[in-house]
Amino acid sequence: MVNFNPNKLSVKYLHSENLDILSRKYTLTHSDFTGELFLSIDKDYDYQKLKNSMYV
């Protein structure tokens, strides 16, 4: 198992940093090339990020 490296995590609040904790949706994606993790937080899932990260 690989240890978590917090320097490779970037967090993006899409609309409001003051969202109620119960209404937050978290989308976590990663790069196979760099090992970076991308966390989006919003009232809805980050479907655009998911769409862009998939190979069609």
PDB file of N, CA and C in Angstrom:
ATOM      1  N   MET A   1       0.842  -1.177   0.000  1.00  0.00           N
ATOM      2  CA  MET A   1       0.000   0.000   0.000  1.00  0.00           C
ATOM      3  C   MET A   1       0.890   1.244   0.000  1.00  0.00           C
ATOM      4  N   VAL A   2       0.509   2.236  -0.791  1.00  0.00           N
ATOM      5  CA  VAL A   2       1.260   3.489  -0.896  1.00  0.00           C
ATOM      6  C   VAL A   2       0.739   4.475   0.141  1.00  0.00           C
ATOM      7  N   ASN A   3       1.639   5.195   0.763  1.00  0.00           N
ATOM      8  CA  ASN A   3       1.240   6.205   1.748  1.00  0.00           C
ATOM      9  C   ASN A   3       0.636   7.419   1.063  1.00  0.00           C
ATOM     10  N   PHE A   4      -0.333   8.022   1.725  1.00  0.00           N
ATOM     11  CA  PHE A   4      -0.984   9.231   1.224  1.00  0.00           C
ATOM     12  C   PHE A   4      -0.019  10.409   1.301  1.00  0.00           C
ATOM     13  N   ASN A   5       0.095  11.154   0.193  1.00  0.00           N
ATOM     14  CA  ASN A   5       0.937  12.345   0.137  1.00  0.00           C
ATOM     15  C   ASN A   5       0.030  13.564  -0.009  1.00  0.00           C
ATOM     16  N   PRO A   6      -0.177  14.360   1.046  1.00  0.00           N
ATOM     17  CA  PRO A   6      -1.086  15.505   0.976  1.00  0.00           C
ATOM     18  C   PRO A   6      -0.634  16.582  -0.002  1.00  0.00           C
ATOM     19  N   ASN A   7       0.636  16.587  -0.389  1.00  0.00           N
ATOM     20  CA  ASN A   7       1.112  17.572  -1.363  1.00  0.00           C
ATOM     21  C   ASN A   7       0.578  17.307  -2.760  1.00  0.00           C
ATOM     22  N   LYS A   8       0.063  16.112  -2.994  1.00  0.00           N
ATOM     23  CA  LYS A   8      -0.489  15.770  -4.306  1.00  0.00           C
ATOM     24  C   LYS A   8      -2.008  15.910  -4.355  1.00  0.00           C
ATOM     25  N   LEU A   9      -2.594  16.498  -3.329  1.00  0.00           N
ATOM     26  CA  LEU A   9      -4.042  16.696  -3.271  1.00  0.00           C
ATOM     27  C   LEU A   9      -4.371  18.162  -3.501  1.00  0.00           C
ATOM     28  N   SER A  10      -5.250  18.422  -4.467  1.00  0.00           N
ATOM     29  CA  SER A  10      -5.761  19.782  -4.643  1.00  0.00           C
ATOM     30  C   SER A  10      -7.267  19.750  -4.411  1.00  0.00           C
ATOM     31  N   VAL A  11      -7.762  20.746  -3.683  1.00  0.00           N
ATOM     32  CA  VAL A  11      -9.174  20.829  -3.323  1.00  0.00           C
ATOM     33  C   VAL A  11      -9.765  22.064  -3.974  1.00  0.00           C
ATOM     34  N   LYS A  12     -10.940  21.887  -4.600  1.00  0.00           N
ATOM     35  CA  LYS A  12     -11.604  22.999  -5.275  1.00  0.00           C
ATOM     36  C   LYS A  12     -13.049  23.084  -4.790  1.00  0.00           C
ATOM     37  N   TYR A  13     -13.421  24.239  -4.227  1.00  0.00           N
ATOM     38  CA  TYR A  13     -14.813  24.522  -3.883  1.00  0.00           C
ATOM     39  C   TYR A  13     -15.440  25.160  -5.114  1.00  0.00           C
ATOM     40  N   LEU A  14     -16.465  24.534  -5.685  1.00  0.00           N
ATOM     41  CA  LEU A  14     -16.989  25.001  -6.960  1.00  0.00           C
ATOM     42  C   LEU A  14     -17.871  26.237  -6.849  1.00  0.00           C
ATOM     43  N   HIS A  15     -18.669  26.364  -5.814  1.00  0.00           N
ATOM     44  CA  HIS A  15     -19.544  27.531  -5.720  1.00  0.00           C
ATOM     45  C   HIS A  15     -19.413  28.267  -4.402  1.00  0.00           C
ATOM     46  N   SER A  16     -19.606  27.597  -3.333  1.00  0.00           N
ATOM     47  CA  SER A  16     -19.607  28.268  -2.037  1.00  0.00           C
ATOM     48  C   SER A  16     -18.819  27.454  -1.027  1.00  0.00           C
ATOM     49  N   GLU A  17     -17.922  28.108  -0.344  1.00  0.00           N
ATOM     50  CA  GLU A  17     -17.159  27.430   0.693  1.00  0.00           C
ATOM     51  C   GLU A  17     -17.997  27.231   1.951  1.00  0.00           C
ATOM     52  N   ASN A  18     -19.175  27.840   2.004  1.00  0.00           N
ATOM     53  CA  ASN A  18     -20.017  27.772   3.196  1.00  0.00           C
ATOM     54  C   ASN A  18     -21.191  26.817   3.028  1.00  0.00           C
ATOM     55  N   LEU A  19     -21.054  25.808   2.183  1.00  0.00           N
ATOM     56  CA  LEU A  19     -22.124  24.834   2.014  1.00  0.00           C
ATOM     57  C   LEU A  19     -22.355  24.073   3.310  1.00  0.00           C
ATOM     58  N   ASP A  20     -23.612  23.807   3.575  1.00  0.00           N
ATOM     59  CA  ASP A  20     -23.953  22.966   4.723  1.00  0.00           C
ATOM     60  C   ASP A  20     -23.300  21.600   4.536  1.00  0.00           C
ATOM     61  N   ILE A  21     -22.709  21.090   5.566  1.00  0.00           N
ATOM     62  CA  ILE A  21     -21.946  19.838   5.465  1.00  0.00           C
ATOM     63  C   ILE A  21     -22.807  18.671   4.983  1.00  0.00           C
ATOM     64  N   LEU A  22     -24.086  18.670   5.301  1.00  0.00           N
ATOM     65  CA  LEU A  22     -24.960  17.574   4.885  1.00  0.00           C
ATOM     66  C   LEU A  22     -25.330  17.645   3.412  1.00  0.00           C
ATOM     67  N   SER A  23     -25.239  18.824   2.801  1.00  0.00           N
ATOM     68  CA  SER A  23     -25.616  18.959   1.396  1.00  0.00           C
ATOM     69  C   SER A  23     -24.413  18.907   0.458  1.00  0.00           C
ATOM     70  N   ARG A  24     -23.223  18.721   0.979  1.00  0.00           N
ATOM     71  CA  ARG A  24     -22.021  18.673   0.143  1.00  0.00           C
ATOM     72  C   ARG A  24     -21.923  17.350  -0.610  1.00  0.00           C
ATOM     73  N   LYS A  25     -21.425  17.454  -1.839  1.00  0.00           N
ATOM     74  CA  LYS A  25     -21.101  16.278  -2.644  1.00  0.00           C
ATOM     75  C   LYS A  25     -19.612  16.357  -2.958  1.00  0.00           C
ATOM     76  N   TYR A  26     -18.936  15.237  -2.849  1.00  0.00           N
ATOM     77  CA  TYR A  26     -17.494  15.177  -3.060  1.00  0.00           C
ATOM     78  C   TYR A  26     -17.192  14.344  -4.303  1.00  0.00           C
ATOM     79  N   THR A  27     -16.366  14.876  -5.193  1.00  0.00           N
ATOM     80  CA  THR A  27     -15.927  14.159  -6.379  1.00  0.00           C
ATOM     81  C   THR A  27     -14.410  14.055  -6.316  1.00  0.00           C
ATOM     82  N   LEU A  28     -13.896  12.840  -6.262  1.00  0.00           N
ATOM     83  CA  LEU A  28     -12.455  12.622  -6.194  1.00  0.00           C
ATOM     84  C   LEU A  28     -11.997  11.931  -7.470  1.00  0.00           C
ATOM     85  N   THR A  29     -11.084  12.573  -8.190  1.00  0.00           N
ATOM     86  CA  THR A  29     -10.492  11.985  -9.387  1.00  0.00           C
ATOM     87  C   THR A  29      -8.977  11.983  -9.205  1.00  0.00           C
ATOM     88  N   HIS A  30      -8.301  11.273 -10.086  1.00  0.00           N
ATOM     89  CA  HIS A  30      -6.840  11.220  -9.981  1.00  0.00           C
ATOM     90  C   HIS A  30      -6.204  11.136 -11.361  1.00  0.00           C
ATOM     91  N   SER A  31      -4.922  11.436 -11.409  1.00  0.00           N
ATOM     92  CA  SER A  31      -4.138  11.326 -12.629  1.00  0.00           C
ATOM     93  C   SER A  31      -3.284  10.066 -12.559  1.00  0.00           C
ATOM     94  N   ASP A  32      -3.413   9.213 -13.555  1.00  0.00           N
ATOM     95  CA  ASP A  32      -2.578   8.015 -13.621  1.00  0.00           C
ATOM     96  C   ASP A  32      -1.118   8.368 -13.896  1.00  0.00           C
ATOM     97  N   PHE A  33      -0.885   9.521 -14.525  1.00  0.00           N
ATOM     98  CA  PHE A  33       0.469   9.908 -14.916  1.00  0.00           C
ATOM     99  C   PHE A  33       1.252  10.537 -13.769  1.00  0.00           C
ATOM    100  N   THR A  34       0.602  11.419 -12.994  1.00  0.00           N
ATOM    101  CA  THR A  34       1.314  12.159 -11.945  1.00  0.00           C
ATOM    102  C   THR A  34       1.007  11.656 -10.541  1.00  0.00           C
ATOM    103  N   GLY A  35      -0.076  10.904 -10.396  1.00  0.00           N
ATOM    104  CA  GLY A  35      -0.478  10.441  -9.073  1.00  0.00           C
ATOM    105  C   GLY A  35      -1.199  11.507  -8.269  1.00  0.00           C
ATOM    106  N   GLU A  36      -1.494  12.649  -8.891  1.00  0.00           N
ATOM    107  CA  GLU A  36      -2.194  13.726  -8.189  1.00  0.00           C
ATOM    108  C   GLU A  36      -3.654  13.356  -7.966  1.00  0.00           C
ATOM    109  N   LEU A  37      -4.218  13.869  -6.871  1.00  0.00           N
ATOM    110  CA  LEU A  37      -5.629  13.692  -6.538  1.00  0.00           C
ATOM    111  C   LEU A  37      -6.325  15.039  -6.637  1.00  0.00           C
ATOM    112  N   PHE A  38      -7.536  15.051  -7.179  1.00  0.00           N
ATOM    113  CA  PHE A  38      -8.315  16.270  -7.349  1.00  0.00           C
ATOM    114  C   PHE A  38      -9.663  16.083  -6.668  1.00  0.00           C
ATOM    115  N   LEU A  39      -9.933  16.883  -5.657  1.00  0.00           N
ATOM    116  CA  LEU A  39     -11.179  16.796  -4.897  1.00  0.00           C
ATOM    117  C   LEU A  39     -12.010  18.037  -5.163  1.00  0.00           C
ATOM    118  N   SER A  40     -13.221  17.844  -5.681  1.00  0.00           N
ATOM    119  CA  SER A  40     -14.167  18.937  -5.905  1.00  0.00           C
ATOM    120  C   SER A  40     -15.278  18.829  -4.871  1.00  0.00           C
ATOM    121  N   ILE A  41     -15.655  19.969  -4.290  1.00  0.00           N
ATOM    122  CA  ILE A  41     -16.717  20.011  -3.282  1.00  0.00           C
ATOM    123  C   ILE A  41     -17.767  21.008  -3.756  1.00  0.00           C
ATOM    124  N   ASP A  42     -19.020  20.571  -3.790  1.00  0.00           N
ATOM    125  CA  ASP A  42     -20.100  21.427  -4.278  1.00  0.00           C
ATOM    126  C   ASP A  42     -21.428  20.861  -3.792  1.00  0.00           C
ATOM    127  N   LYS A  43     -22.514  21.495  -4.194  1.00  0.00           N
ATOM    128  CA  LYS A  43     -23.840  21.002  -3.848  1.00  0.00           C
ATOM    129  C   LYS A  43     -24.234  19.820  -4.731  1.00  0.00           C
ATOM    130  N   ASP A  44     -23.561  19.656  -5.871  1.00  0.00           N
ATOM    131  CA  ASP A  44     -23.763  18.525  -6.777  1.00  0.00           C
ATOM    132  C   ASP A  44     -22.405  17.915  -7.106  1.00  0.00           C
ATOM    133  N   TYR A  45     -22.424  16.703  -7.637  1.00  0.00           N
ATOM    134  CA  TYR A  45     -21.174  16.084  -8.067  1.00  0.00           C
ATOM    135  C   TYR A  45     -20.591  16.870  -9.238  1.00  0.00           C
ATOM    136  N   ASP A  46     -19.292  16.826  -9.408  1.00  0.00           N
ATOM    137  CA  ASP A  46     -18.610  17.545 -10.489  1.00  0.00           C
ATOM    138  C   ASP A  46     -18.631  16.677 -11.748  1.00  0.00           C
ATOM    139  N   TYR A  47     -19.797  16.639 -12.401  1.00  0.00           N
ATOM    140  CA  TYR A  47     -19.967  15.789 -13.571  1.00  0.00           C
ATOM    141  C   TYR A  47     -19.045  16.201 -14.711  1.00  0.00           C
ATOM    142  N   GLN A  48     -18.740  17.490 -14.819  1.00  0.00           N
ATOM    143  CA  GLN A  48     -17.836  17.958 -15.868  1.00  0.00           C
ATOM    144  C   GLN A  48     -16.442  17.361 -15.679  1.00  0.00           C
ATOM    145  N   LYS A  49     -15.986  17.317 -14.447  1.00  0.00           N
ATOM    146  CA  LYS A  49     -14.676  16.723 -14.149  1.00  0.00           C
ATOM    147  C   LYS A  49     -14.683  15.225 -14.466  1.00  0.00           C
ATOM    148  N   LEU A  50     -15.774  14.564 -14.119  1.00  0.00           N
ATOM    149  CA  LEU A  50     -15.882  13.135 -14.421  1.00  0.00           C
ATOM    150  C   LEU A  50     -15.908  12.893 -15.922  1.00  0.00           C
ATOM    151  N   LYS A  51     -16.641  13.722 -16.637  1.00  0.00           N
ATOM    152  CA  LYS A  51     -16.744  13.583 -18.089  1.00  0.00           C
ATOM    153  C   LYS A  51     -15.383  13.801 -18.744  1.00  0.00           C
ATOM    154  N   ASN A  52     -14.636  14.810 -18.279  1.00  0.00           N
ATOM    155  CA  ASN A  52     -13.334  15.120 -18.861  1.00  0.00           C
ATOM    156  C   ASN A  52     -12.283  14.076 -18.524  1.00  0.00           C
ATOM    157  N   SER A  53     -12.485  13.331 -17.458  1.00  0.00           N
ATOM    158  CA  SER A  53     -11.463  12.369 -17.047  1.00  0.00           C
ATOM    159  C   SER A  53     -11.675  10.987 -17.656  1.00  0.00           C
ATOM    160  N   MET A  54     -12.783  10.801 -18.364  1.00  0.00           N
ATOM    161  CA  MET A  54     -13.058   9.490 -18.950  1.00  0.00           C
ATOM    162  C   MET A  54     -12.648   9.488 -20.413  1.00  0.00           C
ATOM    163  N   TYR A  55     -12.137   8.367 -20.855  1.00  0.00           N
ATOM    164  CA  TYR A  55     -11.766   8.214 -22.261  1.00  0.00           C
ATOM    165  C   TYR A  55     -12.965   7.657 -23.005  1.00  0.00           C
ATOM    166  N   VAL A  56     -13.460   8.430 -23.965  1.00  0.00           N
ATOM    167  CA  VAL A  56     -14.643   8.020 -24.727  1.00  0.00           C
ATOM    168  C   VAL A  56     -14.225   7.561 -26.100  1.00  0.00           C
TER     169      VAL A  56
END
